[in-house]
Amino acid sequence: MKKTIMLAAALSIVFAGSASALSCKADSDAKKLAGAARTSHMKKCETDATKTCEADSVAKKLSGAAKTSHMKKCVNDTVNG
């Protein structure tokens, strides 16, 4: 039962994260961030993307090379759009 609830929570986070239309880069541009503010925003956004992609990998039960590939693509797509 707890496992099902955790999976549902992870999936809701994944779908909430993927509902965001802007990539980190586009979001920084839209907010007109520059310098240290942009660097900080990009770093936090990448960290958040990594957590979301990790939850997605767990939900999809990926491991090994499949997980590595998925993580790389997922984070890159989220950060760079």
PDB file of N, CA and C in Angstrom:
ATOM      1  N   MET A   1       0.819  -1.187   0.000  1.00  0.00           N
ATOM      2  CA  MET A   1       0.000   0.000   0.000  1.00  0.00           C
ATOM      3  C   MET A   1       0.871   1.261   0.000  1.00  0.00           C
ATOM      4  N   LYS A   2       1.893   1.297   0.856  1.00  0.00           N
ATOM      5  CA  LYS A   2       2.774   2.471   0.912  1.00  0.00           C
ATOM      6  C   LYS A   2       3.521   2.654  -0.404  1.00  0.00           C
ATOM      7  N   LYS A   3       3.905   1.535  -1.009  1.00  0.00           N
ATOM      8  CA  LYS A   3       4.635   1.597  -2.273  1.00  0.00           C
ATOM      9  C   LYS A   3       3.759   2.227  -3.360  1.00  0.00           C
ATOM     10  N   THR A   4       2.483   1.872  -3.373  1.00  0.00           N
ATOM     11  CA  THR A   4       1.545   2.416  -4.354  1.00  0.00           C
ATOM     12  C   THR A   4       1.373   3.919  -4.153  1.00  0.00           C
ATOM     13  N   ILE A   5       1.273   4.330  -2.910  1.00  0.00           N
ATOM     14  CA  ILE A   5       1.119   5.757  -2.611  1.00  0.00           C
ATOM     15  C   ILE A   5       2.374   6.526  -3.028  1.00  0.00           C
ATOM     16  N   MET A   6       3.544   5.964  -2.746  1.00  0.00           N
ATOM     17  CA  MET A   6       4.797   6.616  -3.126  1.00  0.00           C
ATOM     18  C   MET A   6       4.907   6.729  -4.651  1.00  0.00           C
ATOM     19  N   LEU A   7       4.509   5.676  -5.351  1.00  0.00           N
ATOM     20  CA  LEU A   7       4.557   5.692  -6.812  1.00  0.00           C
ATOM     21  C   LEU A   7       3.606   6.756  -7.347  1.00  0.00           C
ATOM     22  N   ALA A   8       2.417   6.834  -6.787  1.00  0.00           N
ATOM     23  CA  ALA A   8       1.452   7.844  -7.219  1.00  0.00           C
ATOM     24  C   ALA A   8       1.993   9.249  -6.974  1.00  0.00           C
ATOM     25  N   ALA A   9       2.631   9.456  -5.837  1.00  0.00           N
ATOM     26  CA  ALA A   9       3.212  10.763  -5.524  1.00  0.00           C
ATOM     27  C   ALA A   9       4.332  11.103  -6.508  1.00  0.00           C
ATOM     28  N   ALA A  10       5.165  10.129  -6.803  1.00  0.00           N
ATOM     29  CA  ALA A  10       6.269  10.357  -7.746  1.00  0.00           C
ATOM     30  C   ALA A  10       5.729  10.694  -9.130  1.00  0.00           C
ATOM     31  N   LEU A  11       4.718   9.981  -9.559  1.00  0.00           N
ATOM     32  CA  LEU A  11       4.142  10.247 -10.877  1.00  0.00           C
ATOM     33  C   LEU A  11       3.486  11.624 -10.936  1.00  0.00           C
ATOM     34  N   SER A  12       2.846  12.025  -9.859  1.00  0.00           N
ATOM     35  CA  SER A  12       2.223  13.350  -9.856  1.00  0.00           C
ATOM     36  C   SER A  12       3.283  14.439  -9.950  1.00  0.00           C
ATOM     37  N   ILE A  13       4.425  14.223  -9.316  1.00  0.00           N
ATOM     38  CA  ILE A  13       5.527  15.183  -9.403  1.00  0.00           C
ATOM     39  C   ILE A  13       6.063  15.238 -10.829  1.00  0.00           C
ATOM     40  N   VAL A  14       6.204  14.065 -11.447  1.00  0.00           N
ATOM     41  CA  VAL A  14       6.709  13.994 -12.816  1.00  0.00           C
ATOM     42  C   VAL A  14       5.775  14.736 -13.754  1.00  0.00           C
ATOM     43  N   PHE A  15       4.482  14.472 -13.643  1.00  0.00           N
ATOM     44  CA  PHE A  15       3.533  15.120 -14.543  1.00  0.00           C
ATOM     45  C   PHE A  15       3.420  16.609 -14.256  1.00  0.00           C
ATOM     46  N   ALA A  16       3.541  17.002 -13.018  1.00  0.00           N
ATOM     47  CA  ALA A  16       3.510  18.424 -12.681  1.00  0.00           C
ATOM     48  C   ALA A  16       4.739  19.116 -13.249  1.00  0.00           C
ATOM     49  N   GLY A  17       5.890  18.449 -13.168  1.00  0.00           N
ATOM     50  CA  GLY A  17       7.119  19.020 -13.707  1.00  0.00           C
ATOM     51  C   GLY A  17       7.094  19.116 -15.216  1.00  0.00           C
ATOM     52  N   SER A  18       6.510  18.116 -15.881  1.00  0.00           N
ATOM     53  CA  SER A  18       6.473  18.129 -17.333  1.00  0.00           C
ATOM     54  C   SER A  18       5.395  19.067 -17.856  1.00  0.00           C
ATOM     55  N   ALA A  19       4.468  19.508 -16.988  1.00  0.00           N
ATOM     56  CA  ALA A  19       3.426  20.438 -17.408  1.00  0.00           C
ATOM     57  C   ALA A  19       3.993  21.836 -17.628  1.00  0.00           C
ATOM     58  N   SER A  20       5.157  22.097 -17.054  1.00  0.00           N
ATOM     59  CA  SER A  20       5.794  23.387 -17.231  1.00  0.00           C
ATOM     60  C   SER A  20       6.199  23.555 -18.691  1.00  0.00           C
ATOM     61  N   ALA A  21       5.727  24.620 -19.305  1.00  0.00           N
ATOM     62  CA  ALA A  21       5.948  24.820 -20.731  1.00  0.00           C
ATOM     63  C   ALA A  21       7.344  25.368 -21.025  1.00  0.00           C
ATOM     64  N   LEU A  22       7.938  26.058 -20.067  1.00  0.00           N
ATOM     65  CA  LEU A  22       9.224  26.695 -20.301  1.00  0.00           C
ATOM     66  C   LEU A  22      10.374  25.853 -19.796  1.00  0.00           C
ATOM     67  N   SER A  23      11.446  25.818 -20.573  1.00  0.00           N
ATOM     68  CA  SER A  23      12.668  25.184 -20.098  1.00  0.00           C
ATOM     69  C   SER A  23      13.334  26.138 -19.120  1.00  0.00           C
ATOM     70  N   CYS A  24      14.336  25.652 -18.430  1.00  0.00           N
ATOM     71  CA  CYS A  24      15.066  26.508 -17.489  1.00  0.00           C
ATOM     72  C   CYS A  24      15.658  27.710 -18.214  1.00  0.00           C
ATOM     73  N   LYS A  25      16.206  27.457 -19.383  1.00  0.00           N
ATOM     74  CA  LYS A  25      16.846  28.512 -20.162  1.00  0.00           C
ATOM     75  C   LYS A  25      15.816  29.551 -20.596  1.00  0.00           C
ATOM     76  N   ALA A  26      14.674  29.088 -21.099  1.00  0.00           N
ATOM     77  CA  ALA A  26      13.626  30.005 -21.537  1.00  0.00           C
ATOM     78  C   ALA A  26      13.050  30.776 -20.350  1.00  0.00           C
ATOM     79  N   ASP A  27      12.931  30.099 -19.210  1.00  0.00           N
ATOM     80  CA  ASP A  27      12.424  30.754 -18.003  1.00  0.00           C
ATOM     81  C   ASP A  27      13.381  31.863 -17.559  1.00  0.00           C
ATOM     82  N   SER A  28      14.675  31.592 -17.620  1.00  0.00           N
ATOM     83  CA  SER A  28      15.672  32.610 -17.269  1.00  0.00           C
ATOM     84  C   SER A  28      15.581  33.803 -18.212  1.00  0.00           C
ATOM     85  N   ASP A  29      15.408  33.518 -19.483  1.00  0.00           N
ATOM     86  CA  ASP A  29      15.285  34.589 -20.475  1.00  0.00           C
ATOM     87  C   ASP A  29      14.018  35.404 -20.227  1.00  0.00           C
ATOM     88  N   ALA A  30      12.909  34.706 -19.939  1.00  0.00           N
ATOM     89  CA  ALA A  30      11.636  35.386 -19.707  1.00  0.00           C
ATOM     90  C   ALA A  30      11.707  36.283 -18.476  1.00  0.00           C
ATOM     91  N   LYS A  31      12.453  35.844 -17.465  1.00  0.00           N
ATOM     92  CA  LYS A  31      12.608  36.633 -16.245  1.00  0.00           C
ATOM     93  C   LYS A  31      13.707  37.681 -16.379  1.00  0.00           C
ATOM     94  N   LYS A  32      14.391  37.685 -17.531  1.00  0.00           N
ATOM     95  CA  LYS A  32      15.477  38.629 -17.820  1.00  0.00           C
ATOM     96  C   LYS A  32      16.573  38.580 -16.761  1.00  0.00           C
ATOM     97  N   LEU A  33      16.935  37.345 -16.381  1.00  0.00           N
ATOM     98  CA  LEU A  33      17.990  37.162 -15.384  1.00  0.00           C
ATOM     99  C   LEU A  33      19.352  37.244 -16.053  1.00  0.00           C
ATOM    100  N   ALA A  34      20.320  37.755 -15.315  1.00  0.00           N
ATOM    101  CA  ALA A  34      21.686  37.856 -15.832  1.00  0.00           C
ATOM    102  C   ALA A  34      22.663  37.662 -14.675  1.00  0.00           C
ATOM    103  N   GLY A  35      23.880  37.305 -15.015  1.00  0.00           N
ATOM    104  CA  GLY A  35      24.948  37.183 -14.029  1.00  0.00           C
ATOM    105  C   GLY A  35      24.698  36.117 -12.992  1.00  0.00           C
ATOM    106  N   ALA A  36      24.957  36.470 -11.738  1.00  0.00           N
ATOM    107  CA  ALA A  36      24.845  35.518 -10.636  1.00  0.00           C
ATOM    108  C   ALA A  36      23.409  35.030 -10.441  1.00  0.00           C
ATOM    109  N   ALA A  37      22.440  35.903 -10.682  1.00  0.00           N
ATOM    110  CA  ALA A  37      21.037  35.502 -10.525  1.00  0.00           C
ATOM    111  C   ALA A  37      20.682  34.413 -11.535  1.00  0.00           C
ATOM    112  N   ARG A  38      21.154  34.572 -12.771  1.00  0.00           N
ATOM    113  CA  ARG A  38      20.881  33.571 -13.814  1.00  0.00           C
ATOM    114  C   ARG A  38      21.589  32.253 -13.476  1.00  0.00           C
ATOM    115  N   THR A  39      22.827  32.350 -13.041  1.00  0.00           N
ATOM    116  CA  THR A  39      23.585  31.152 -12.689  1.00  0.00           C
ATOM    117  C   THR A  39      22.904  30.390 -11.561  1.00  0.00           C
ATOM    118  N   SER A  40      22.471  31.113 -10.543  1.00  0.00           N
ATOM    119  CA  SER A  40      21.790  30.494  -9.411  1.00  0.00           C
ATOM    120  C   SER A  40      20.476  29.851  -9.840  1.00  0.00           C
ATOM    121  N   HIS A  41      19.715  30.558 -10.656  1.00  0.00           N
ATOM    122  CA  HIS A  41      18.436  30.036 -11.134  1.00  0.00           C
ATOM    123  C   HIS A  41      18.645  28.771 -11.973  1.00  0.00           C
ATOM    124  N   MET A  42      19.614  28.803 -12.856  1.00  0.00           N
ATOM    125  CA  MET A  42      19.887  27.647 -13.720  1.00  0.00           C
ATOM    126  C   MET A  42      20.331  26.439 -12.887  1.00  0.00           C
ATOM    127  N   LYS A  43      21.152  26.673 -11.878  1.00  0.00           N
ATOM    128  CA  LYS A  43      21.631  25.581 -11.029  1.00  0.00           C
ATOM    129  C   LYS A  43      20.476  24.958 -10.256  1.00  0.00           C
ATOM    130  N   LYS A  44      19.608  25.789  -9.669  1.00  0.00           N
ATOM    131  CA  LYS A  44      18.452  25.273  -8.933  1.00  0.00           C
ATOM    132  C   LYS A  44      17.497  24.545  -9.869  1.00  0.00           C
ATOM    133  N   CYS A  45      17.280  25.101 -11.028  1.00  0.00           N
ATOM    134  CA  CYS A  45      16.375  24.486 -12.005  1.00  0.00           C
ATOM    135  C   CYS A  45      16.908  23.117 -12.444  1.00  0.00           C
ATOM    136  N   GLU A  46      18.215  23.016 -12.665  1.00  0.00           N
ATOM    137  CA  GLU A  46      18.818  21.747 -13.053  1.00  0.00           C
ATOM    138  C   GLU A  46      18.706  20.717 -11.927  1.00  0.00           C
ATOM    139  N   THR A  47      18.891  21.164 -10.688  1.00  0.00           N
ATOM    140  CA  THR A  47      18.739  20.271  -9.532  1.00  0.00           C
ATOM    141  C   THR A  47      17.315  19.750  -9.442  1.00  0.00           C
ATOM    142  N   ASP A  48      16.346  20.642  -9.624  1.00  0.00           N
ATOM    143  CA  ASP A  48      14.937  20.239  -9.592  1.00  0.00           C
ATOM    144  C   ASP A  48      14.624  19.274 -10.736  1.00  0.00           C
ATOM    145  N   ALA A  49      15.184  19.539 -11.911  1.00  0.00           N
ATOM    146  CA  ALA A  49      14.966  18.671 -13.069  1.00  0.00           C
ATOM    147  C   ALA A  49      15.543  17.283 -12.814  1.00  0.00           C
ATOM    148  N   THR A  50      16.709  17.230 -12.187  1.00  0.00           N
ATOM    149  CA  THR A  50      17.344  15.948 -11.877  1.00  0.00           C
ATOM    150  C   THR A  50      16.467  15.139 -10.933  1.00  0.00           C
ATOM    151  N   LYS A  51      15.897  15.786  -9.919  1.00  0.00           N
ATOM    152  CA  LYS A  51      15.013  15.091  -8.984  1.00  0.00           C
ATOM    153  C   LYS A  51      13.769  14.570  -9.690  1.00  0.00           C
ATOM    154  N   THR A  52      13.185  15.380 -10.548  1.00  0.00           N
ATOM    155  CA  THR A  52      11.990  14.977 -11.279  1.00  0.00           C
ATOM    156  C   THR A  52      12.294  13.817 -12.227  1.00  0.00           C
ATOM    157  N   CYS A  53      13.413  13.898 -12.918  1.00  0.00           N
ATOM    158  CA  CYS A  53      13.797  12.837 -13.851  1.00  0.00           C
ATOM    159  C   CYS A  53      14.137  11.551 -13.106  1.00  0.00           C
ATOM    160  N   GLU A  54      14.733  11.675 -11.931  1.00  0.00           N
ATOM    161  CA  GLU A  54      15.045  10.503 -11.108  1.00  0.00           C
ATOM    162  C   GLU A  54      13.749   9.804 -10.700  1.00  0.00           C
ATOM    163  N   ALA A  55      12.753  10.574 -10.290  1.00  0.00           N
ATOM    164  CA  ALA A  55      11.454  10.001  -9.922  1.00  0.00           C
ATOM    165  C   ALA A  55      10.821   9.308 -11.125  1.00  0.00           C
ATOM    166  N   ASP A  56      10.977   9.898 -12.294  1.00  0.00           N
ATOM    167  CA  ASP A  56      10.443   9.294 -13.520  1.00  0.00           C
ATOM    168  C   ASP A  56      11.152   7.981 -13.828  1.00  0.00           C
ATOM    169  N   SER A  57      12.468   7.940 -13.634  1.00  0.00           N
ATOM    170  CA  SER A  57      13.240   6.716 -13.847  1.00  0.00           C
ATOM    171  C   SER A  57      12.788   5.607 -12.908  1.00  0.00           C
ATOM    172  N   VAL A  58      12.548   5.961 -11.654  1.00  0.00           N
ATOM    173  CA  VAL A  58      12.080   4.987 -10.663  1.00  0.00           C
ATOM    174  C   VAL A  58      10.699   4.482 -11.049  1.00  0.00           C
ATOM    175  N   ALA A  59       9.828   5.399 -11.454  1.00  0.00           N
ATOM    176  CA  ALA A  59       8.464   5.012 -11.848  1.00  0.00           C
ATOM    177  C   ALA A  59       8.478   4.074 -13.051  1.00  0.00           C
ATOM    178  N   LYS A  60       9.423   4.292 -13.962  1.00  0.00           N
ATOM    179  CA  LYS A  60       9.535   3.446 -15.150  1.00  0.00           C
ATOM    180  C   LYS A  60      10.381   2.202 -14.907  1.00  0.00           C
ATOM    181  N   LYS A  61      10.916   2.078 -13.683  1.00  0.00           N
ATOM    182  CA  LYS A  61      11.752   0.947 -13.283  1.00  0.00           C
ATOM    183  C   LYS A  61      12.963   0.773 -14.203  1.00  0.00           C
ATOM    184  N   LEU A  62      13.624   1.883 -14.517  1.00  0.00           N
ATOM    185  CA  LEU A  62      14.809   1.844 -15.370  1.00  0.00           C
ATOM    186  C   LEU A  62      16.051   1.613 -14.522  1.00  0.00           C
ATOM    187  N   SER A  63      17.036   0.965 -15.128  1.00  0.00           N
ATOM    188  CA  SER A  63      18.317   0.773 -14.465  1.00  0.00           C
ATOM    189  C   SER A  63      19.407   0.669 -15.519  1.00  0.00           C
ATOM    190  N   GLY A  64      20.636   0.800 -15.073  1.00  0.00           N
ATOM    191  CA  GLY A  64      21.786   0.649 -15.966  1.00  0.00           C
ATOM    192  C   GLY A  64      21.833   1.700 -17.056  1.00  0.00           C
ATOM    193  N   ALA A  65      22.171   1.258 -18.266  1.00  0.00           N
ATOM    194  CA  ALA A  65      22.339   2.163 -19.400  1.00  0.00           C
ATOM    195  C   ALA A  65      21.031   2.854 -19.774  1.00  0.00           C
ATOM    196  N   ALA A  66      19.917   2.161 -19.629  1.00  0.00           N
ATOM    197  CA  ALA A  66      18.621   2.769 -19.946  1.00  0.00           C
ATOM    198  C   ALA A  66      18.343   3.952 -19.024  1.00  0.00           C
ATOM    199  N   LYS A  67      18.658   3.797 -17.747  1.00  0.00           N
ATOM    200  CA  LYS A  67      18.439   4.875 -16.784  1.00  0.00           C
ATOM    201  C   LYS A  67      19.379   6.039 -17.077  1.00  0.00           C
ATOM    202  N   THR A  68      20.638   5.731 -17.345  1.00  0.00           N
ATOM    203  CA  THR A  68      21.620   6.769 -17.644  1.00  0.00           C
ATOM    204  C   THR A  68      21.188   7.583 -18.856  1.00  0.00           C
ATOM    205  N   SER A  69      20.779   6.895 -19.909  1.00  0.00           N
ATOM    206  CA  SER A  69      20.336   7.557 -21.127  1.00  0.00           C
ATOM    207  C   SER A  69      19.094   8.411 -20.868  1.00  0.00           C
ATOM    208  N   HIS A  70      18.137   7.837 -20.147  1.00  0.00           N
ATOM    209  CA  HIS A  70      16.906   8.561 -19.841  1.00  0.00           C
ATOM    210  C   HIS A  70      17.205   9.814 -19.014  1.00  0.00           C
ATOM    211  N   MET A  71      18.052   9.684 -18.009  1.00  0.00           N
ATOM    212  CA  MET A  71      18.386  10.816 -17.140  1.00  0.00           C
ATOM    213  C   MET A  71      19.053  11.942 -17.947  1.00  0.00           C
ATOM    214  N   LYS A  72      20.002  11.569 -18.791  1.00  0.00           N
ATOM    215  CA  LYS A  72      20.725  12.562 -19.582  1.00  0.00           C
ATOM    216  C   LYS A  72      19.765  13.326 -20.493  1.00  0.00           C
ATOM    217  N   LYS A  73      18.901  12.609 -21.191  1.00  0.00           N
ATOM    218  CA  LYS A  73      17.957  13.240 -22.110  1.00  0.00           C
ATOM    219  C   LYS A  73      16.925  14.063 -21.354  1.00  0.00           C
ATOM    220  N   CYS A  74      16.392  13.517 -20.292  1.00  0.00           N
ATOM    221  CA  CYS A  74      15.361  14.195 -19.514  1.00  0.00           C
ATOM    222  C   CYS A  74      15.871  15.514 -18.937  1.00  0.00           C
ATOM    223  N   VAL A  75      17.011  15.480 -18.298  1.00  0.00           N
ATOM    224  CA  VAL A  75      17.574  16.696 -17.697  1.00  0.00           C
ATOM    225  C   VAL A  75      17.922  17.706 -18.786  1.00  0.00           C
ATOM    226  N   ASN A  76      18.539  17.256 -19.866  1.00  0.00           N
ATOM    227  CA  ASN A  76      18.909  18.160 -20.959  1.00  0.00           C
ATOM    228  C   ASN A  76      17.672  18.813 -21.556  1.00  0.00           C
ATOM    229  N   ASP A  77      16.626  18.046 -21.802  1.00  0.00           N
ATOM    230  CA  ASP A  77      15.396  18.599 -22.363  1.00  0.00           C
ATOM    231  C   ASP A  77      14.761  19.622 -21.433  1.00  0.00           C
ATOM    232  N   THR A  78      14.794  19.343 -20.144  1.00  0.00           N
ATOM    233  CA  THR A  78      14.195  20.255 -19.168  1.00  0.00           C
ATOM    234  C   THR A  78      15.009  21.538 -19.030  1.00  0.00           C
ATOM    235  N   VAL A  79      16.309  21.411 -19.025  1.00  0.00           N
ATOM    236  CA  VAL A  79      17.167  22.583 -18.842  1.00  0.00           C
ATOM    237  C   VAL A  79      17.242  23.437 -20.106  1.00  0.00           C
ATOM    238  N   ASN A  80      17.441  22.790 -21.250  1.00  0.00           N
ATOM    239  CA  ASN A  80      17.667  23.529 -22.495  1.00  0.00           C
ATOM    240  C   ASN A  80      16.437  23.655 -23.382  1.00  0.00           C
ATOM    241  N   GLY A  81      15.443  22.862 -23.112  1.00  0.00           N
ATOM    242  CA  GLY A  81      14.194  22.935 -23.880  1.00  0.00           C
ATOM    243  C   GLY A  81      14.279  22.298 -25.153  1.00  0.00           C
TER     244      GLY A  81
END
